Amino acid sequence: MRRPASKAGSATGLTHGPQPRYDAFDVVVVPFPYADRLAEKRRPALVISSQKLAPFGVIWVAMITSAENAPWSCDVAISELDRAGLPAPSVIRTAKIACLEPARIERRAGHLDKLTARKVAQKLRAFWGS
C-alpha cells in the first residue's frame, strides 16, 4: 500500500518551492485564530519560535493587539512601533499563541526591538515554568 503524498508544510517538513524565512521576534500579518470560536481575524502577530521548528512545517506566533484594549498582566507594550511596522500603539498578548503553517503568513511587517523582545521572552519563560 502506497502512502499518500505529503502536503506543503506537513509534519514531514516537505514544501513546494522556497518558503520565506521568519525569525523569532519578526512581526508578521496572519489570520490569527480566536480562542473561543472557530473563526480567525487578520492581524499582526509576533513570531516566537526559532528555525528549529522549520523541519516540521509550523511556526508559533503570539497575538498583537491594540494598546487601547483592556490590559492583561502578561501584555508587553511595543515601544518602537515604526521598527515593528505597526501603525498604532500595540501590545503583545503573550498568553495568546497559535501554531500556523508558514504559508499562512501574509507578510512580514517588521521586527521587535531588543528590549521588548527580552520582555516577551521573560513572560513566555514564566508561562513555561523555566
Protein backbone atom coordinates (compact mmCIF):
# COMPACT_ATOMS: atom_id res chain seq x y z
CA MET A 1 0.00 0.00 0.00
CA ARG A 2 1.41 3.39 -1.01
CA ARG A 3 1.42 6.31 1.37
CA PRO A 4 -0.27 9.50 0.15
CA ALA A 5 1.98 12.36 -0.87
CA SER A 6 2.69 14.89 1.85
CA LYS A 7 1.23 18.37 1.65
CA ALA A 8 3.33 21.52 1.87
CA GLY A 9 4.10 22.35 5.46
CA SER A 10 3.17 18.89 6.74
CA ALA A 11 4.87 17.19 9.65
CA THR A 12 7.42 15.70 7.27
CA GLY A 13 8.70 19.19 6.53
CA LEU A 14 8.25 18.86 2.76
CA THR A 15 7.46 22.10 0.96
CA HIS A 16 6.81 23.17 -2.59
CA GLY A 17 9.30 25.84 -3.60
CA PRO A 18 11.24 28.18 -1.37
CA GLN A 19 9.44 29.49 1.70
CA PRO A 20 10.32 32.88 3.21
CA ARG A 21 12.32 32.60 6.41
CA TYR A 22 10.75 34.02 9.56
CA ASP A 23 12.90 34.57 12.62
CA ALA A 24 12.00 34.91 16.27
CA PHE A 25 10.65 38.38 17.04
CA ASP A 26 9.61 39.15 13.47
CA VAL A 27 6.26 40.94 13.35
CA VAL A 28 4.06 39.28 10.72
CA VAL A 29 0.48 39.59 9.48
CA VAL A 30 -1.55 36.38 9.80
CA PRO A 31 -5.11 35.07 10.04
CA PHE A 32 -4.99 34.63 13.84
CA PRO A 33 -7.47 32.11 15.30
CA TYR A 34 -9.88 33.12 18.05
CA ALA A 35 -9.63 31.06 21.23
CA ASP A 36 -13.38 30.90 21.85
CA ARG A 37 -14.82 30.14 18.40
CA LEU A 38 -13.98 28.67 15.01
CA ALA A 39 -13.02 31.92 13.32
CA GLU A 40 -9.92 33.96 12.68
CA LYS A 41 -9.01 37.60 12.24
CA ARG A 42 -6.29 39.12 10.07
CA ARG A 43 -3.93 40.81 12.50
CA PRO A 44 -0.28 41.35 13.37
CA ALA A 45 1.44 38.65 15.39
CA LEU A 46 4.90 38.06 16.79
CA VAL A 47 6.96 35.05 15.75
CA ILE A 48 8.03 33.35 19.00
CA SER A 49 9.54 30.15 17.60
CA SER A 50 13.02 29.55 16.23
CA GLN A 51 14.14 27.94 13.00
CA LYS A 52 14.24 24.61 14.89
CA LEU A 53 10.52 24.20 14.06
CA ALA A 54 11.03 24.74 10.31
CA PRO A 55 11.51 21.00 9.53
CA PHE A 56 8.04 20.37 10.98
CA GLY A 57 6.37 22.97 8.78
CA VAL A 58 4.98 25.06 11.64
CA ILE A 59 5.63 28.40 13.28
CA TRP A 60 4.48 29.72 16.66
CA VAL A 61 3.11 33.25 16.94
CA ALA A 62 1.79 35.43 19.77
CA MET A 63 -1.11 37.80 19.27
CA ILE A 64 -0.55 41.53 18.88
CA THR A 65 -3.50 43.73 19.80
CA SER A 66 -4.31 47.39 20.28
CA ALA A 67 -2.97 49.02 23.44
CA GLU A 68 -6.46 50.52 23.83
CA ASN A 69 -7.91 47.10 24.78
CA ALA A 70 -8.31 46.17 28.43
CA PRO A 71 -4.82 45.14 29.62
CA TRP A 72 -3.78 41.67 30.69
CA SER A 73 -0.98 41.17 33.22
CA CYS A 74 1.02 39.26 30.58
CA ASP A 75 0.87 42.04 27.95
CA VAL A 76 4.12 43.60 26.75
CA ALA A 77 3.95 47.08 25.21
CA ILE A 78 5.74 47.57 21.90
CA SER A 79 7.98 50.60 22.26
CA GLU A 80 9.35 51.04 18.73
CA LEU A 81 6.23 50.95 16.54
CA ASP A 82 7.98 52.02 13.32
CA ARG A 83 10.57 49.26 13.60
CA ALA A 84 7.79 46.73 14.30
CA GLY A 85 5.84 48.00 11.28
CA LEU A 86 2.77 48.87 13.34
CA PRO A 87 0.59 51.97 12.78
CA ALA A 88 -0.79 52.39 16.32
CA PRO A 89 0.17 51.70 19.94
CA SER A 90 0.11 47.92 20.40
CA VAL A 91 0.88 45.17 22.90
CA ILE A 92 1.95 41.55 22.59
CA ARG A 93 -0.56 39.37 24.40
CA THR A 94 1.83 36.59 25.41
CA ALA A 95 -0.93 34.32 26.74
CA LYS A 96 -2.48 34.01 23.27
CA ILE A 97 -0.31 31.93 20.96
CA ALA A 98 -1.08 29.98 17.81
CA CYS A 99 0.65 27.34 15.73
CA LEU A 100 0.43 28.04 11.97
CA GLU A 101 1.90 26.83 8.73
CA PRO A 102 4.35 29.46 7.42
CA ALA A 103 2.42 29.64 4.13
CA ARG A 104 -0.45 31.27 6.06
CA ILE A 105 1.72 34.28 6.89
CA GLU A 106 0.66 37.10 4.59
CA ARG A 107 3.74 39.28 5.04
CA ARG A 108 6.50 40.43 7.37
CA ALA A 109 5.69 43.85 8.83
CA GLY A 110 8.83 44.48 10.87
CA HIS A 111 10.95 43.27 13.76
CA LEU A 112 10.77 43.83 17.52
CA ASP A 113 13.42 45.91 19.28
CA LYS A 114 15.79 44.02 21.63
CA LEU A 115 14.43 45.38 24.91
CA THR A 116 10.83 44.48 24.06
CA ALA A 117 11.94 41.07 22.74
CA ARG A 118 13.68 40.41 26.08
CA LYS A 119 10.48 41.29 27.99
CA VAL A 120 8.42 38.96 25.77
CA ALA A 121 10.91 36.11 26.31
CA GLN A 122 10.71 36.62 30.09
CA LYS A 123 6.89 36.46 30.04
CA LEU A 124 6.93 33.29 27.91
CA ARG A 125 9.52 31.62 30.16
CA ALA A 126 7.30 32.37 33.15
CA PHE A 127 4.40 30.54 31.46
CA TRP A 128 6.64 27.58 30.56
CA GLY A 129 7.99 27.35 34.11
CA SER A 130 11.64 27.71 33.14
